[in-house]
Amino acid sequence: MPRGTLEVLLVSAKGLENTDFLNDMDPYVILICRTQEQKSSVASGKGTEPDWNENFVFTISDDVVSELTLKIMDSDAGTGDDLVGEANISLEPLFMEGSLPPTVYNVVKDEEFRGEIRVALTFTPEVHGGRDLPVEEESYGGWKESAYRE
């Protein structure tokens, strides 16, 4: 599997299940790529249709990275944050295409549909520091020296 940089544009979500019964949710997203974890800002009072438009960058250096997990959480003051749902995005199509435009992914909790999240992905392969340039053969007076000797 390729190595390089994964850029995630967290756009928005809609139709999320409201975990706050008295007021609007304050959703945020935890983005997990293997052992790397990043957290979006909290969309305060945005309820079930938050917009983030935030960029995140992950380094892909492990051959077993195959998916990105997005956990949508509801920030609750004073109590533990609630899991709204999660989306698992396979990175295989991204590695083949290089970039995917903003795409809608299902948010699921307890195997039930809990809304949608919109994300754009870009993968930039690592440039190897090796000698990828063609090596010019030495020539002498316009004639190439033969490696064959009698």
C-alpha atoms as a PDB file:
ATOM      1  CA  MET A   1       0.000   0.000   0.000  1.00  0.00           C
ATOM      2  CA  PRO A   2       1.233   3.506  -0.714  1.00  0.00           C
ATOM      3  CA  ARG A   3       2.958   5.862   1.665  1.00  0.00           C
ATOM      4  CA  GLY A   4       2.317   9.576   1.691  1.00  0.00           C
ATOM      5  CA  THR A   5       0.002  12.254   3.016  1.00  0.00           C
ATOM      6  CA  LEU A   6      -3.737  11.904   3.518  1.00  0.00           C
ATOM      7  CA  GLU A   7      -5.617  15.207   3.541  1.00  0.00           C
ATOM      8  CA  VAL A   8      -9.154  15.176   4.887  1.00  0.00           C
ATOM      9  CA  LEU A   9     -11.583  18.044   4.355  1.00  0.00           C
ATOM     10  CA  LEU A  10     -14.354  17.627   6.910  1.00  0.00           C
ATOM     11  CA  VAL A  11     -17.224  19.489   5.249  1.00  0.00           C
ATOM     12  CA  SER A  12     -20.513  18.929   7.077  1.00  0.00           C
ATOM     13  CA  ALA A  13     -23.089  16.465   8.338  1.00  0.00           C
ATOM     14  CA  LYS A  14     -26.851  16.262   8.091  1.00  0.00           C
ATOM     15  CA  GLY A  15     -29.711  14.233   9.439  1.00  0.00           C
ATOM     16  CA  LEU A  16     -27.776  13.295  12.567  1.00  0.00           C
ATOM     17  CA  GLU A  17     -29.712  11.774  15.413  1.00  0.00           C
ATOM     18  CA  ASN A  18     -30.093  14.410  18.144  1.00  0.00           C
ATOM     19  CA  THR A  19     -28.637  13.082  21.395  1.00  0.00           C
ATOM     20  CA  ASP A  20     -29.582  16.235  23.354  1.00  0.00           C
ATOM     21  CA  PHE A  21     -33.252  16.223  24.239  1.00  0.00           C
ATOM     22  CA  LEU A  22     -33.532  19.740  25.685  1.00  0.00           C
ATOM     23  CA  ASN A  23     -31.354  21.756  23.302  1.00  0.00           C
ATOM     24  CA  ASP A  24     -29.333  21.485  20.104  1.00  0.00           C
ATOM     25  CA  MET A  25     -26.322  19.202  19.922  1.00  0.00           C
ATOM     26  CA  ASP A  26     -22.765  20.521  19.896  1.00  0.00           C
ATOM     27  CA  PRO A  27     -21.206  18.028  17.488  1.00  0.00           C
ATOM     28  CA  TYR A  28     -17.536  17.451  16.770  1.00  0.00           C
ATOM     29  CA  VAL A  29     -15.657  14.709  14.963  1.00  0.00           C
ATOM     30  CA  ILE A  30     -12.761  12.509  16.039  1.00  0.00           C
ATOM     31  CA  LEU A  31     -10.817  11.431  12.939  1.00  0.00           C
ATOM     32  CA  ILE A  32      -8.824   8.222  13.331  1.00  0.00           C
ATOM     33  CA  CYS A  33      -6.306   6.857  10.851  1.00  0.00           C
ATOM     34  CA  ARG A  34      -4.646   3.785  12.380  1.00  0.00           C
ATOM     35  CA  THR A  35      -2.826   5.169  15.468  1.00  0.00           C
ATOM     36  CA  GLN A  36      -3.225   8.865  14.560  1.00  0.00           C
ATOM     37  CA  GLU A  37      -6.173  10.723  16.026  1.00  0.00           C
ATOM     38  CA  GLN A  38      -7.312  14.311  15.471  1.00  0.00           C
ATOM     39  CA  LYS A  39     -10.334  16.237  16.692  1.00  0.00           C
ATOM     40  CA  SER A  40     -12.409  18.869  14.902  1.00  0.00           C
ATOM     41  CA  SER A  41     -13.738  21.998  16.498  1.00  0.00           C
ATOM     42  CA  VAL A  42     -17.116  21.835  18.223  1.00  0.00           C
ATOM     43  CA  ALA A  43     -19.978  23.112  16.055  1.00  0.00           C
ATOM     44  CA  SER A  44     -21.691  24.785  19.026  1.00  0.00           C
ATOM     45  CA  GLY A  45     -25.466  24.714  18.885  1.00  0.00           C
ATOM     46  CA  LYS A  46     -25.452  23.504  15.290  1.00  0.00           C
ATOM     47  CA  GLY A  47     -27.620  20.524  16.126  1.00  0.00           C
ATOM     48  CA  THR A  48     -28.164  17.823  13.537  1.00  0.00           C
ATOM     49  CA  GLU A  49     -26.788  19.789  10.536  1.00  0.00           C
ATOM     50  CA  PRO A  50     -23.283  21.037  11.474  1.00  0.00           C
ATOM     51  CA  ASP A  51     -20.754  22.624   9.103  1.00  0.00           C
ATOM     52  CA  TRP A  52     -17.038  22.406   9.834  1.00  0.00           C
ATOM     53  CA  ASN A  53     -15.033  23.015   6.638  1.00  0.00           C
ATOM     54  CA  GLU A  54     -11.833  21.992   8.434  1.00  0.00           C
ATOM     55  CA  ASN A  55      -8.717  20.348   7.014  1.00  0.00           C
ATOM     56  CA  PHE A  56      -6.756  17.550   8.656  1.00  0.00           C
ATOM     57  CA  VAL A  57      -3.508  15.916   7.549  1.00  0.00           C
ATOM     58  CA  PHE A  58      -2.395  12.367   8.334  1.00  0.00           C
ATOM     59  CA  THR A  59       0.874  10.668   7.444  1.00  0.00           C
ATOM     60  CA  ILE A  60       0.406   7.281   5.810  1.00  0.00           C
ATOM     61  CA  SER A  61       3.569   5.333   6.557  1.00  0.00           C
ATOM     62  CA  ASP A  62       2.158   1.973   7.513  1.00  0.00           C
ATOM     63  CA  ASP A  63       1.264  -0.673   4.963  1.00  0.00           C
ATOM     64  CA  VAL A  64      -1.868  -1.739   6.850  1.00  0.00           C
ATOM     65  CA  VAL A  65      -3.763   1.567   6.733  1.00  0.00           C
ATOM     66  CA  SER A  66      -6.930   0.769   4.818  1.00  0.00           C
ATOM     67  CA  GLU A  67      -9.607   3.006   6.296  1.00  0.00           C
ATOM     68  CA  LEU A  68     -10.372   6.282   7.980  1.00  0.00           C
ATOM     69  CA  THR A  69     -12.807   6.280  10.910  1.00  0.00           C
ATOM     70  CA  LEU A  70     -14.908   9.330  11.729  1.00  0.00           C
ATOM     71  CA  LYS A  71     -16.590   9.334  15.142  1.00  0.00           C
ATOM     72  CA  ILE A  72     -19.240  12.002  15.510  1.00  0.00           C
ATOM     73  CA  MET A  73     -19.564  13.087  19.121  1.00  0.00           C
ATOM     74  CA  ASP A  74     -21.866  15.467  20.986  1.00  0.00           C
ATOM     75  CA  SER A  75     -19.993  17.712  23.407  1.00  0.00           C
ATOM     76  CA  ASP A  76     -21.769  17.790  26.766  1.00  0.00           C
ATOM     77  CA  ALA A  77     -20.680  20.150  29.524  1.00  0.00           C
ATOM     78  CA  GLY A  78     -20.398  18.420  32.883  1.00  0.00           C
ATOM     79  CA  THR A  79     -21.058  14.910  31.602  1.00  0.00           C
ATOM     80  CA  GLY A  80     -19.311  12.551  29.220  1.00  0.00           C
ATOM     81  CA  ASP A  81     -19.651  13.308  25.526  1.00  0.00           C
ATOM     82  CA  ASP A  82     -22.172  11.167  23.626  1.00  0.00           C
ATOM     83  CA  LEU A  83     -21.339   9.087  20.571  1.00  0.00           C
ATOM     84  CA  VAL A  84     -23.738  10.115  17.799  1.00  0.00           C
ATOM     85  CA  GLY A  85     -22.402   7.556  15.328  1.00  0.00           C
ATOM     86  CA  GLU A  86     -19.452   6.747  13.130  1.00  0.00           C
ATOM     87  CA  ALA A  87     -18.471   6.359   9.504  1.00  0.00           C
ATOM     88  CA  ASN A  88     -15.729   4.073   8.223  1.00  0.00           C
ATOM     89  CA  ILE A  89     -14.251   5.131   4.891  1.00  0.00           C
ATOM     90  CA  SER A  90     -12.222   2.678   2.818  1.00  0.00           C
ATOM     91  CA  LEU A  91      -9.059   4.338   1.504  1.00  0.00           C
ATOM     92  CA  GLU A  92      -8.476   1.860  -1.352  1.00  0.00           C
ATOM     93  CA  PRO A  93     -10.384   3.945  -3.966  1.00  0.00           C
ATOM     94  CA  LEU A  94      -8.485   7.038  -2.821  1.00  0.00           C
ATOM     95  CA  PHE A  95      -5.089   5.366  -3.291  1.00  0.00           C
ATOM     96  CA  MET A  96      -6.090   4.527  -6.878  1.00  0.00           C
ATOM     97  CA  GLU A  97      -7.698   7.896  -7.761  1.00  0.00           C
ATOM     98  CA  GLY A  98      -5.488  10.324  -5.798  1.00  0.00           C
ATOM     99  CA  SER A  99      -8.437  12.455  -4.694  1.00  0.00           C
ATOM    100  CA  LEU A 100     -12.139  12.099  -4.038  1.00  0.00           C
ATOM    101  CA  PRO A 101     -14.497  15.096  -4.184  1.00  0.00           C
ATOM    102  CA  PRO A 102     -16.806  15.837  -1.238  1.00  0.00           C
ATOM    103  CA  THR A 103     -18.680  12.566  -0.798  1.00  0.00           C
ATOM    104  CA  VAL A 104     -21.498  11.591   1.554  1.00  0.00           C
ATOM    105  CA  TYR A 105     -20.907   8.634   3.888  1.00  0.00           C
ATOM    106  CA  ASN A 106     -23.453   6.985   6.149  1.00  0.00           C
ATOM    107  CA  VAL A 107     -23.166   7.534   9.889  1.00  0.00           C
ATOM    108  CA  VAL A 108     -24.028   4.361  11.791  1.00  0.00           C
ATOM    109  CA  LYS A 109     -24.510   3.476  15.457  1.00  0.00           C
ATOM    110  CA  ASP A 110     -25.585   0.051  16.713  1.00  0.00           C
ATOM    111  CA  GLU A 111     -25.880  -1.035  13.059  1.00  0.00           C
ATOM    112  CA  GLU A 112     -28.564   1.623  12.452  1.00  0.00           C
ATOM    113  CA  PHE A 113     -28.421   4.633  10.103  1.00  0.00           C
ATOM    114  CA  ARG A 114     -27.908   7.841  12.140  1.00  0.00           C
ATOM    115  CA  GLY A 115     -27.309  10.457   9.421  1.00  0.00           C
ATOM    116  CA  GLU A 116     -24.691  11.440   6.857  1.00  0.00           C
ATOM    117  CA  ILE A 117     -21.261  13.079   6.903  1.00  0.00           C
ATOM    118  CA  ARG A 118     -19.647  14.809   3.923  1.00  0.00           C
ATOM    119  CA  VAL A 119     -15.883  14.519   3.453  1.00  0.00           C
ATOM    120  CA  ALA A 120     -13.362  15.200   0.657  1.00  0.00           C
ATOM    121  CA  LEU A 121     -10.112  13.216   0.537  1.00  0.00           C
ATOM    122  CA  THR A 122      -6.753  13.771  -1.161  1.00  0.00           C
ATOM    123  CA  PHE A 123      -3.765  11.429  -1.134  1.00  0.00           C
ATOM    124  CA  THR A 124      -0.293  12.660  -2.057  1.00  0.00           C
ATOM    125  CA  PRO A 125       2.187   9.798  -2.513  1.00  0.00           C
ATOM    126  CA  GLU A 126       5.567  10.010  -0.850  1.00  0.00           C
ATOM    127  CA  VAL A 127       8.348  11.006  -3.232  1.00  0.00           C
ATOM    128  CA  HIS A 128      11.209   8.562  -2.884  1.00  0.00           C
ATOM    129  CA  GLY A 129      14.619  10.077  -2.298  1.00  0.00           C
ATOM    130  CA  GLY A 130      16.302   7.389  -4.403  1.00  0.00           C
ATOM    131  CA  ARG A 131      17.844   7.855  -7.826  1.00  0.00           C
ATOM    132  CA  ASP A 132      14.803   7.749 -10.049  1.00  0.00           C
ATOM    133  CA  LEU A 133      16.549   9.824 -12.709  1.00  0.00           C
ATOM    134  CA  PRO A 134      17.949   7.953 -15.695  1.00  0.00           C
ATOM    135  CA  VAL A 135      21.705   7.544 -15.442  1.00  0.00           C
ATOM    136  CA  GLU A 136      23.506   8.657 -18.562  1.00  0.00           C
ATOM    137  CA  GLU A 137      26.046   6.250 -19.954  1.00  0.00           C
ATOM    138  CA  GLU A 138      29.578   7.478 -20.316  1.00  0.00           C
ATOM    139  CA  SER A 139      30.757   7.952 -23.857  1.00  0.00           C
ATOM    140  CA  TYR A 140      34.218   8.466 -25.267  1.00  0.00           C
ATOM    141  CA  GLY A 141      34.602  10.584 -28.376  1.00  0.00           C
ATOM    142  CA  GLY A 142      31.052   9.869 -29.516  1.00  0.00           C
ATOM    143  CA  TRP A 143      31.499   6.093 -29.133  1.00  0.00           C
ATOM    144  CA  LYS A 144      30.076   4.193 -26.199  1.00  0.00           C
ATOM    145  CA  GLU A 145      32.576   1.952 -24.520  1.00  0.00           C
ATOM    146  CA  SER A 146      31.506  -1.646 -24.717  1.00  0.00           C
ATOM    147  CA  ALA A 147      31.242  -3.647 -21.554  1.00  0.00           C
ATOM    148  CA  TYR A 148      32.287  -6.704 -23.592  1.00  0.00           C
ATOM    149  CA  ARG A 149      36.027  -7.282 -23.679  1.00  0.00           C
ATOM    150  CA  GLU A 150      37.886  -9.939 -25.640  1.00  0.00           C
END
